[in-house]
Amino acid sequence: MRIAVDDLRLDSLEVIHAGSETYRLADKVRAVPLARIGTEIEPLVSSRQGGSHTAPGSGP
């Protein structure tokens, strides 16, 4: 997962699991229970909804 974070230049990576606790797996990587996905993970905003999220390196 750390390689994915580095290669994709991610700010963070969340792994969704079936348990009940949130915990750190590595720097910038954490495990989040499915039951808490709506409260612990910031929603992504689609560019169609006026957001400005773009993939690294794909902007102007």
PDB file of N, CA and C in Angstrom:
ATOM      1  N   MET A   1       0.809  -1.186   0.000  1.00  0.00           N
ATOM      2  CA  MET A   1       0.000   0.000   0.000  1.00  0.00           C
ATOM      3  C   MET A   1       0.857   1.258   0.000  1.00  0.00           C
ATOM      4  N   ARG A   2       1.988   1.184   0.671  1.00  0.00           N
ATOM      5  CA  ARG A   2       2.867   2.363   0.680  1.00  0.00           C
ATOM      6  C   ARG A   2       3.381   2.672  -0.718  1.00  0.00           C
ATOM      7  N   ILE A   3       3.625   1.648  -1.506  1.00  0.00           N
ATOM      8  CA  ILE A   3       4.075   1.865  -2.891  1.00  0.00           C
ATOM      9  C   ILE A   3       2.979   2.561  -3.682  1.00  0.00           C
ATOM     10  N   ALA A   4       1.728   2.147  -3.506  1.00  0.00           N
ATOM     11  CA  ALA A   4       0.605   2.788  -4.195  1.00  0.00           C
ATOM     12  C   ALA A   4       0.495   4.255  -3.790  1.00  0.00           C
ATOM     13  N   VAL A   5       0.637   4.541  -2.495  1.00  0.00           N
ATOM     14  CA  VAL A   5       0.574   5.927  -2.013  1.00  0.00           C
ATOM     15  C   VAL A   5       1.662   6.761  -2.679  1.00  0.00           C
ATOM     16  N   ASP A   6       2.869   6.221  -2.753  1.00  0.00           N
ATOM     17  CA  ASP A   6       3.979   6.952  -3.368  1.00  0.00           C
ATOM     18  C   ASP A   6       3.804   7.083  -4.880  1.00  0.00           C
ATOM     19  N   ASP A   7       3.537   5.959  -5.557  1.00  0.00           N
ATOM     20  CA  ASP A   7       3.428   5.979  -7.019  1.00  0.00           C
ATOM     21  C   ASP A   7       2.285   6.847  -7.515  1.00  0.00           C
ATOM     22  N   LEU A   8       1.164   6.826  -6.804  1.00  0.00           N
ATOM     23  CA  LEU A   8      -0.006   7.599  -7.209  1.00  0.00           C
ATOM     24  C   LEU A   8      -0.047   8.991  -6.581  1.00  0.00           C
ATOM     25  N   ARG A   9       0.965   9.282  -5.754  1.00  0.00           N
ATOM     26  CA  ARG A   9       1.070  10.586  -5.072  1.00  0.00           C
ATOM     27  C   ARG A   9      -0.195  10.907  -4.284  1.00  0.00           C
ATOM     28  N   LEU A  10      -0.644   9.926  -3.513  1.00  0.00           N
ATOM     29  CA  LEU A  10      -1.861  10.092  -2.724  1.00  0.00           C
ATOM     30  C   LEU A  10      -1.557  10.813  -1.413  1.00  0.00           C
ATOM     31  N   ASP A  11      -2.512  11.603  -0.962  1.00  0.00           N
ATOM     32  CA  ASP A  11      -2.397  12.239   0.345  1.00  0.00           C
ATOM     33  C   ASP A  11      -2.673  11.225   1.446  1.00  0.00           C
ATOM     34  N   SER A  12      -3.568  10.288   1.161  1.00  0.00           N
ATOM     35  CA  SER A  12      -3.909   9.243   2.119  1.00  0.00           C
ATOM     36  C   SER A  12      -4.565   8.082   1.383  1.00  0.00           C
ATOM     37  N   LEU A  13      -4.642   6.948   2.080  1.00  0.00           N
ATOM     38  CA  LEU A  13      -5.287   5.758   1.538  1.00  0.00           C
ATOM     39  C   LEU A  13      -6.073   5.111   2.662  1.00  0.00           C
ATOM     40  N   GLU A  14      -7.358   4.890   2.433  1.00  0.00           N
ATOM     41  CA  GLU A  14      -8.207   4.245   3.417  1.00  0.00           C
ATOM     42  C   GLU A  14      -8.571   2.860   2.912  1.00  0.00           C
ATOM     43  N   VAL A  15      -8.416   1.872   3.779  1.00  0.00           N
ATOM     44  CA  VAL A  15      -8.796   0.493   3.491  1.00  0.00           C
ATOM     45  C   VAL A  15     -10.067   0.215   4.276  1.00  0.00           C
ATOM     46  N   ILE A  16     -11.121  -0.187   3.591  1.00  0.00           N
ATOM     47  CA  ILE A  16     -12.393  -0.456   4.243  1.00  0.00           C
ATOM     48  C   ILE A  16     -12.413  -1.917   4.692  1.00  0.00           C
ATOM     49  N   HIS A  17     -12.825  -2.139   5.955  1.00  0.00           N
ATOM     50  CA  HIS A  17     -12.857  -3.513   6.479  1.00  0.00           C
ATOM     51  C   HIS A  17     -14.147  -3.754   7.256  1.00  0.00           C
ATOM     52  N   ALA A  18     -14.385  -5.013   7.598  1.00  0.00           N
ATOM     53  CA  ALA A  18     -15.641  -5.408   8.235  1.00  0.00           C
ATOM     54  C   ALA A  18     -15.624  -5.284   9.756  1.00  0.00           C
ATOM     55  N   GLY A  19     -14.524  -4.888  10.333  1.00  0.00           N
ATOM     56  CA  GLY A  19     -14.426  -4.782  11.790  1.00  0.00           C
ATOM     57  C   GLY A  19     -15.151  -3.568  12.341  1.00  0.00           C
ATOM     58  N   SER A  20     -14.778  -3.165  13.556  1.00  0.00           N
ATOM     59  CA  SER A  20     -15.459  -2.044  14.203  1.00  0.00           C
ATOM     60  C   SER A  20     -14.523  -0.907  14.614  1.00  0.00           C
ATOM     61  N   GLU A  21     -13.233  -1.071  14.435  1.00  0.00           N
ATOM     62  CA  GLU A  21     -12.266  -0.056  14.863  1.00  0.00           C
ATOM     63  C   GLU A  21     -11.519   0.543  13.669  1.00  0.00           C
ATOM     64  N   THR A  22     -11.155   1.815  13.812  1.00  0.00           N
ATOM     65  CA  THR A  22     -10.293   2.482  12.842  1.00  0.00           C
ATOM     66  C   THR A  22      -8.876   2.431  13.396  1.00  0.00           C
ATOM     67  N   TYR A  23      -7.911   2.097  12.543  1.00  0.00           N
ATOM     68  CA  TYR A  23      -6.528   2.036  13.002  1.00  0.00           C
ATOM     69  C   TYR A  23      -5.567   2.296  11.848  1.00  0.00           C
ATOM     70  N   ARG A  24      -4.382   2.747  12.208  1.00  0.00           N
ATOM     71  CA  ARG A  24      -3.340   3.069  11.238  1.00  0.00           C
ATOM     72  C   ARG A  24      -2.638   1.795  10.795  1.00  0.00           C
ATOM     73  N   LEU A  25      -2.441   1.658   9.489  1.00  0.00           N
ATOM     74  CA  LEU A  25      -1.698   0.531   8.938  1.00  0.00           C
ATOM     75  C   LEU A  25      -0.267   0.931   8.601  1.00  0.00           C
ATOM     76  N   ALA A  26      -0.084   2.165   8.167  1.00  0.00           N
ATOM     77  CA  ALA A  26       1.232   2.693   7.799  1.00  0.00           C
ATOM     78  C   ALA A  26       1.080   4.204   7.683  1.00  0.00           C
ATOM     79  N   ASP A  27       2.185   4.893   7.435  1.00  0.00           N
ATOM     80  CA  ASP A  27       2.127   6.330   7.213  1.00  0.00           C
ATOM     81  C   ASP A  27       1.181   6.607   6.050  1.00  0.00           C
ATOM     82  N   LYS A  28       0.181   7.444   6.262  1.00  0.00           N
ATOM     83  CA  LYS A  28      -0.822   7.829   5.269  1.00  0.00           C
ATOM     84  C   LYS A  28      -1.814   6.720   4.926  1.00  0.00           C
ATOM     85  N   VAL A  29      -1.777   5.586   5.642  1.00  0.00           N
ATOM     86  CA  VAL A  29      -2.680   4.470   5.356  1.00  0.00           C
ATOM     87  C   VAL A  29      -3.403   4.079   6.641  1.00  0.00           C
ATOM     88  N   ARG A  30      -4.736   4.001   6.568  1.00  0.00           N
ATOM     89  CA  ARG A  30      -5.495   3.579   7.738  1.00  0.00           C
ATOM     90  C   ARG A  30      -6.633   2.657   7.326  1.00  0.00           C
ATOM     91  N   ALA A  31      -7.039   1.814   8.254  1.00  0.00           N
ATOM     92  CA  ALA A  31      -8.159   0.903   8.063  1.00  0.00           C
ATOM     93  C   ALA A  31      -9.389   1.527   8.707  1.00  0.00           C
ATOM     94  N   VAL A  32     -10.485   1.567   7.959  1.00  0.00           N
ATOM     95  CA  VAL A  32     -11.726   2.179   8.428  1.00  0.00           C
ATOM     96  C   VAL A  32     -12.844   1.143   8.312  1.00  0.00           C
ATOM     97  N   PRO A  33     -13.625   0.942   9.372  1.00  0.00           N
ATOM     98  CA  PRO A  33     -14.723  -0.013   9.276  1.00  0.00           C
ATOM     99  C   PRO A  33     -15.826   0.501   8.344  1.00  0.00           C
ATOM    100  N   LEU A  34     -16.446  -0.427   7.637  1.00  0.00           N
ATOM    101  CA  LEU A  34     -17.522  -0.060   6.717  1.00  0.00           C
ATOM    102  C   LEU A  34     -18.611   0.735   7.418  1.00  0.00           C
ATOM    103  N   ALA A  35     -18.914   0.381   8.658  1.00  0.00           N
ATOM    104  CA  ALA A  35     -19.970   1.075   9.403  1.00  0.00           C
ATOM    105  C   ALA A  35     -19.666   2.553   9.634  1.00  0.00           C
ATOM    106  N   ARG A  36     -18.406   2.956   9.549  1.00  0.00           N
ATOM    107  CA  ARG A  36     -18.010   4.353   9.811  1.00  0.00           C
ATOM    108  C   ARG A  36     -17.603   5.109   8.546  1.00  0.00           C
ATOM    109  N   ILE A  37     -17.788   4.512   7.391  1.00  0.00           N
ATOM    110  CA  ILE A  37     -17.305   5.126   6.155  1.00  0.00           C
ATOM    111  C   ILE A  37     -17.909   6.524   5.937  1.00  0.00           C
ATOM    112  N   GLY A  38     -19.164   6.690   6.296  1.00  0.00           N
ATOM    113  CA  GLY A  38     -19.828   7.973   6.090  1.00  0.00           C
ATOM    114  C   GLY A  38     -19.394   9.066   7.046  1.00  0.00           C
ATOM    115  N   THR A  39     -18.821   8.696   8.183  1.00  0.00           N
ATOM    116  CA  THR A  39     -18.434   9.693   9.174  1.00  0.00           C
ATOM    117  C   THR A  39     -16.926   9.924   9.247  1.00  0.00           C
ATOM    118  N   GLU A  40     -16.132   8.962   8.772  1.00  0.00           N
ATOM    119  CA  GLU A  40     -14.682   9.080   8.910  1.00  0.00           C
ATOM    120  C   GLU A  40     -13.936   9.387   7.618  1.00  0.00           C
ATOM    121  N   ILE A  41     -14.611   9.297   6.488  1.00  0.00           N
ATOM    122  CA  ILE A  41     -13.944   9.546   5.209  1.00  0.00           C
ATOM    123  C   ILE A  41     -14.634  10.710   4.513  1.00  0.00           C
ATOM    124  N   GLU A  42     -13.840  11.694   4.135  1.00  0.00           N
ATOM    125  CA  GLU A  42     -14.373  12.851   3.423  1.00  0.00           C
ATOM    126  C   GLU A  42     -14.889  12.419   2.060  1.00  0.00           C
ATOM    127  N   PRO A  43     -16.095  12.850   1.676  1.00  0.00           N
ATOM    128  CA  PRO A  43     -16.609  12.466   0.361  1.00  0.00           C
ATOM    129  C   PRO A  43     -15.815  13.139  -0.759  1.00  0.00           C
ATOM    130  N   LEU A  44     -15.662  12.424  -1.858  1.00  0.00           N
ATOM    131  CA  LEU A  44     -15.042  13.008  -3.039  1.00  0.00           C
ATOM    132  C   LEU A  44     -16.087  13.840  -3.746  1.00  0.00           C
ATOM    133  N   VAL A  45     -15.682  14.956  -4.309  1.00  0.00           N
ATOM    134  CA  VAL A  45     -16.600  15.825  -5.019  1.00  0.00           C
ATOM    135  C   VAL A  45     -16.335  15.665  -6.496  1.00  0.00           C
ATOM    136  N   SER A  46     -17.355  15.284  -7.237  1.00  0.00           N
ATOM    137  CA  SER A  46     -17.234  15.113  -8.682  1.00  0.00           C
ATOM    138  C   SER A  46     -17.074  16.468  -9.349  1.00  0.00           C
ATOM    139  N   SER A  47     -16.294  16.520 -10.426  1.00  0.00           N
ATOM    140  CA  SER A  47     -16.132  17.777 -11.164  1.00  0.00           C
ATOM    141  C   SER A  47     -17.467  18.210 -11.757  1.00  0.00           C
ATOM    142  N   ARG A  48     -18.380  17.262 -11.969  1.00  0.00           N
ATOM    143  CA  ARG A  48     -19.717  17.603 -12.469  1.00  0.00           C
ATOM    144  C   ARG A  48     -20.532  18.331 -11.416  1.00  0.00           C
ATOM    145  N   GLN A  49     -20.126  18.231 -10.157  1.00  0.00           N
ATOM    146  CA  GLN A  49     -20.835  18.901  -9.072  1.00  0.00           C
ATOM    147  C   GLN A  49     -20.133  20.189  -8.666  1.00  0.00           C
ATOM    148  N   GLY A  50     -19.201  20.635  -9.485  1.00  0.00           N
ATOM    149  CA  GLY A  50     -18.525  21.884  -9.201  1.00  0.00           C
ATOM    150  C   GLY A  50     -17.257  21.743  -8.406  1.00  0.00           C
ATOM    151  N   GLY A  51     -16.825  20.523  -8.119  1.00  0.00           N
ATOM    152  CA  GLY A  51     -15.591  20.311  -7.373  1.00  0.00           C
ATOM    153  C   GLY A  51     -14.378  20.496  -8.249  1.00  0.00           C
ATOM    154  N   SER A  52     -13.200  20.432  -7.643  1.00  0.00           N
ATOM    155  CA  SER A  52     -11.969  20.653  -8.404  1.00  0.00           C
ATOM    156  C   SER A  52     -10.977  19.511  -8.260  1.00  0.00           C
ATOM    157  N   HIS A  53     -11.448  18.311  -7.899  1.00  0.00           N
ATOM    158  CA  HIS A  53     -10.548  17.175  -7.760  1.00  0.00           C
ATOM    159  C   HIS A  53     -10.078  16.691  -9.119  1.00  0.00           C
ATOM    160  N   THR A  54      -8.783  16.594  -9.292  1.00  0.00           N
ATOM    161  CA  THR A  54      -8.216  16.022 -10.508  1.00  0.00           C
ATOM    162  C   THR A  54      -7.100  15.087 -10.113  1.00  0.00           C
ATOM    163  N   ALA A  55      -6.800  14.157 -10.966  1.00  0.00           N
ATOM    164  CA  ALA A  55      -5.709  13.232 -10.695  1.00  0.00           C
ATOM    165  C   ALA A  55      -4.391  13.978 -10.784  1.00  0.00           C
ATOM    166  N   PRO A  56      -3.406  13.609  -9.959  1.00  0.00           N
ATOM    167  CA  PRO A  56      -2.096  14.256 -10.034  1.00  0.00           C
ATOM    168  C   PRO A  56      -1.523  14.160 -11.436  1.00  0.00           C
ATOM    169  N   GLY A  57      -1.017  15.262 -11.918  1.00  0.00           N
ATOM    170  CA  GLY A  57      -0.399  15.280 -13.243  1.00  0.00           C
ATOM    171  C   GLY A  57      -1.380  15.423 -14.388  1.00  0.00           C
ATOM    172  N   SER A  58      -2.692  15.457 -14.108  1.00  0.00           N
ATOM    173  CA  SER A  58      -3.651  15.562 -15.195  1.00  0.00           C
ATOM    174  C   SER A  58      -4.164  16.988 -15.386  1.00  0.00           C
ATOM    175  N   GLY A  59      -3.760  17.876 -14.514  1.00  0.00           N
ATOM    176  CA  GLY A  59      -4.217  19.260 -14.602  1.00  0.00           C
ATOM    177  C   GLY A  59      -3.406  20.057 -15.601  1.00  0.00           C
ATOM    178  N   PRO A  60      -3.772  21.315 -15.772  1.00  0.00           N
ATOM    179  CA  PRO A  60      -3.046  22.179 -16.737  1.00  0.00           C
ATOM    180  C   PRO A  60      -1.624  22.454 -16.339  1.00  0.00           C
TER     181      PRO A  60
END
